[in-house]
Amino acid sequence: MDKSFQFGLRIVKLFMHLRKIKVERDLCTQFLRSGTSIGANIEEAIGGSSRKDFVHKLEIAYKEARETRYWLRLLKGSSLLENKLAESFMKDCEEIIKILTAILNSSKTQQIINS
């Protein structure tokens, strides 16, 4: 999913900016890990060995997207990230969450039908 890759790139660039302005390292690292693992888990899902494996990896990507949304809210709420930039990231993150939710619902329904 190109959207998750592009989002990951934006996360890396934002991480670098946050580190330049001396935002606490552990906070930045958690944000970087969750934000970039979304796309990595989607890639793993695409190469999954079974439908069950596919769904499992997408569930992880979904959880990482939700965690990333949390870090974005925290960065925005603490004024470490300006509102306009935070909203842009949150909009993209919400879109990824919605896409993953739709794919997971469809895949789980398909799993039940095929059982």
Protein backbone atom coordinates (compact mmCIF):
# COMPACT_ATOMS: atom_id res chain seq x y z
CA MET A 1 0.00 0.00 0.00
CA ASP A 2 1.75 3.11 -1.25
CA LYS A 3 -0.16 5.28 1.22
CA SER A 4 1.48 3.55 4.19
CA PHE A 5 4.92 3.88 2.58
CA GLN A 6 4.42 7.61 1.95
CA PHE A 7 3.14 8.00 5.51
CA GLY A 8 6.23 6.20 6.79
CA LEU A 9 8.47 8.58 4.86
CA ARG A 10 6.69 11.55 6.41
CA ILE A 11 7.12 9.97 9.85
CA VAL A 12 10.88 9.59 9.30
CA LYS A 13 11.19 13.23 8.21
CA LEU A 14 9.13 14.42 11.17
CA PHE A 15 11.22 12.28 13.52
CA MET A 16 14.38 13.94 12.20
CA HIS A 17 12.82 17.39 12.70
CA LEU A 18 11.69 16.55 16.25
CA ARG A 19 15.17 15.34 17.15
CA LYS A 20 16.68 18.56 15.78
CA ILE A 21 14.48 20.62 18.07
CA LYS A 22 15.49 18.38 20.98
CA VAL A 23 12.17 16.65 21.64
CA GLU A 24 12.68 13.86 24.18
CA ARG A 25 14.40 10.91 22.48
CA ASP A 26 12.23 8.09 23.84
CA LEU A 27 9.06 9.85 22.73
CA CYS A 28 10.47 10.36 19.24
CA THR A 29 11.67 6.77 19.00
CA GLN A 30 8.29 5.33 20.00
CA PHE A 31 6.63 7.55 17.41
CA LEU A 32 9.13 6.50 14.73
CA ARG A 33 8.72 2.79 15.52
CA SER A 34 4.93 2.76 15.43
CA GLY A 35 4.64 5.06 12.43
CA THR A 36 7.06 3.12 10.24
CA SER A 37 5.92 -0.33 11.31
CA ILE A 38 2.48 0.22 9.76
CA GLY A 39 3.86 -0.11 6.23
CA ALA A 40 6.29 -2.86 7.22
CA ASN A 41 3.46 -4.98 8.59
CA ILE A 42 1.34 -4.35 5.51
CA GLU A 43 4.25 -5.56 3.37
CA GLU A 44 4.52 -8.67 5.53
CA ALA A 45 0.78 -9.24 5.20
CA ILE A 46 0.97 -9.06 1.42
CA GLY A 47 3.64 -11.76 1.50
CA GLY A 48 1.74 -13.79 4.09
CA SER A 49 1.72 -17.56 3.85
CA SER A 50 -2.03 -17.86 4.43
CA ARG A 51 -5.19 -15.79 4.83
CA LYS A 52 -4.83 -16.18 8.60
CA ASP A 53 -1.26 -14.84 8.44
CA PHE A 54 -2.44 -11.99 6.19
CA VAL A 55 -5.14 -10.99 8.67
CA HIS A 56 -2.78 -11.28 11.63
CA LYS A 57 -0.19 -8.94 10.08
CA LEU A 58 -2.87 -6.44 9.07
CA GLU A 59 -4.19 -6.49 12.64
CA ILE A 60 -0.70 -5.57 13.83
CA ALA A 61 -0.54 -2.75 11.25
CA TYR A 62 -3.95 -1.53 12.51
CA LYS A 63 -2.73 -1.49 16.12
CA GLU A 64 0.43 0.36 15.13
CA ALA A 65 -1.64 2.95 13.26
CA ARG A 66 -3.75 3.51 16.37
CA GLU A 67 -0.61 3.85 18.48
CA THR A 68 0.80 6.35 16.00
CA ARG A 69 -2.42 8.34 16.23
CA TYR A 70 -1.96 8.44 20.00
CA TRP A 71 1.61 9.77 19.68
CA LEU A 72 0.41 12.40 17.21
CA ARG A 73 -2.30 13.51 19.63
CA LEU A 74 0.29 13.69 22.40
CA LEU A 75 2.70 15.72 20.26
CA LYS A 76 -0.10 18.08 19.26
CA GLY A 77 -1.55 18.37 22.76
CA SER A 78 1.86 19.19 24.24
CA SER A 79 2.47 21.82 21.54
CA LEU A 80 5.56 19.98 20.30
CA LEU A 81 3.88 19.80 16.91
CA GLU A 82 2.02 22.73 15.39
CA ASN A 83 -1.71 22.18 14.88
CA LYS A 84 -1.71 22.37 11.07
CA LEU A 85 1.06 19.79 10.71
CA ALA A 86 -0.44 17.55 13.39
CA GLU A 87 -3.84 17.66 11.65
CA SER A 88 -2.25 16.71 8.34
CA PHE A 89 -0.55 13.68 9.90
CA MET A 90 -3.67 12.71 11.83
CA LYS A 91 -5.79 12.92 8.68
CA ASP A 92 -3.44 10.53 6.86
CA CYS A 93 -3.30 8.24 9.86
CA GLU A 94 -7.10 8.15 10.13
CA GLU A 95 -7.35 7.30 6.45
CA ILE A 96 -4.93 4.39 6.89
CA ILE A 97 -6.92 3.17 9.91
CA LYS A 98 -10.14 3.28 7.88
CA ILE A 99 -8.57 1.40 4.97
CA LEU A 100 -7.12 -1.25 7.27
CA THR A 101 -10.45 -1.59 9.08
CA ALA A 102 -12.27 -2.15 5.78
CA ILE A 103 -9.73 -4.72 4.57
CA LEU A 104 -9.78 -6.54 7.91
CA ASN A 105 -13.58 -6.64 8.04
CA SER A 106 -13.73 -7.95 4.48
CA SER A 107 -10.97 -10.51 5.08
CA LYS A 108 -12.52 -11.76 8.31
CA THR A 109 -15.92 -12.09 6.63
CA GLN A 110 -14.28 -14.04 3.81
CA GLN A 111 -12.53 -16.25 6.37
CA ILE A 112 -15.84 -17.08 8.03
CA ILE A 113 -17.50 -17.83 4.69
CA ASN A 114 -14.64 -20.14 3.67
CA SER A 115 -14.61 -22.00 7.01
